[in-house]
Amino acid sequence: METERIKFDYSLLKQKMIENRYNITTLSRDLSIGRITLGYKLNSDTYFTQNQICKICDLLGIEYREIPNYFFREPV
């Protein structure tokens, strides 16, 4: 039985990236992951790890209590 992959809305995260002058290339470099891998994560094809979420929060100035708004928002 195949489970359905949950899709998340990363629009706030993408907006925060722009505000902090990050793009997929620069953020993937600072996360030490491939650019294509980050693209998959931002498109909900794969998931962020807990360590990646914490590192992104540190890089973009996102408070940990705001993690659900940036990483676990369901599309409308």
Protein backbone atom coordinates (compact mmCIF):
# COMPACT_ATOMS: atom_id res chain seq x y z
CA MET A 1 0.00 0.00 0.00
CA GLU A 2 1.50 3.29 -1.08
CA THR A 3 1.22 6.24 1.30
CA GLU A 4 0.36 9.67 -0.03
CA ARG A 5 3.14 12.24 0.27
CA ILE A 6 2.15 15.32 2.25
CA LYS A 7 2.74 18.58 0.37
CA PHE A 8 3.65 21.74 2.25
CA ASP A 9 3.39 25.40 1.29
CA TYR A 10 6.88 26.92 1.47
CA SER A 11 5.88 30.34 0.13
CA LEU A 12 6.71 32.08 3.44
CA LEU A 13 10.09 30.36 3.52
CA LYS A 14 10.81 31.41 -0.06
CA GLN A 15 9.80 34.98 0.80
CA LYS A 16 12.13 34.91 3.83
CA MET A 17 14.94 33.67 1.58
CA ILE A 18 14.45 36.67 -0.72
CA GLU A 19 14.32 39.09 2.23
CA ASN A 20 17.68 37.71 3.39
CA ARG A 21 19.16 37.75 -0.13
CA TYR A 22 19.30 34.00 -0.44
CA ASN A 23 18.48 31.95 -3.50
CA ILE A 24 18.52 28.20 -4.01
CA THR A 25 22.21 28.21 -4.91
CA THR A 26 23.42 30.24 -1.93
CA LEU A 27 21.17 28.53 0.62
CA SER A 28 22.08 25.05 -0.61
CA ARG A 29 25.77 25.99 -0.33
CA ASP A 30 25.33 27.16 3.27
CA LEU A 31 23.36 23.99 4.09
CA SER A 32 26.03 21.81 2.43
CA ILE A 33 23.47 20.11 0.18
CA GLY A 34 23.03 20.12 -3.57
CA ARG A 35 21.06 22.84 -5.31
CA ILE A 36 18.78 20.27 -6.95
CA THR A 37 18.21 18.58 -3.58
CA LEU A 38 17.10 21.89 -2.06
CA GLY A 39 14.81 22.45 -5.04
CA TYR A 40 13.17 19.06 -4.40
CA LYS A 41 12.64 20.00 -0.76
CA LEU A 42 11.12 23.39 -1.63
CA ASN A 43 8.74 21.60 -4.03
CA SER A 44 7.75 19.01 -1.37
CA ASP A 45 9.26 16.15 -3.39
CA THR A 46 11.45 15.29 -0.38
CA TYR A 47 11.40 16.53 3.21
CA PHE A 48 13.74 18.73 5.21
CA THR A 49 15.58 17.06 8.10
CA GLN A 50 15.33 18.51 11.59
CA ASN A 51 18.96 19.65 11.37
CA GLN A 52 18.31 21.38 8.04
CA ILE A 53 15.26 23.16 9.45
CA CYS A 54 17.26 24.44 12.44
CA LYS A 55 20.15 25.56 10.21
CA ILE A 56 17.78 27.40 7.84
CA CYS A 57 16.16 29.13 10.81
CA ASP A 58 19.58 30.26 12.04
CA LEU A 59 20.60 31.51 8.58
CA LEU A 60 17.34 33.35 7.87
CA GLY A 61 16.61 34.65 11.36
CA ILE A 62 13.49 32.54 11.86
CA GLU A 63 12.61 31.92 15.50
CA TYR A 64 12.19 28.24 16.33
CA ARG A 65 8.66 28.85 17.60
CA GLU A 66 7.81 30.02 14.05
CA ILE A 67 8.93 26.74 12.43
CA PRO A 68 5.35 25.50 11.80
CA ASN A 69 4.54 28.66 9.81
CA TYR A 70 7.54 28.23 7.52
CA PHE A 71 7.93 24.45 7.23
CA PHE A 72 4.59 22.76 7.96
CA ARG A 73 2.02 25.03 6.35
CA GLU A 74 -0.60 23.17 4.37
CA PRO A 75 -1.56 24.55 0.95
CA VAL A 76 -4.99 26.14 0.67
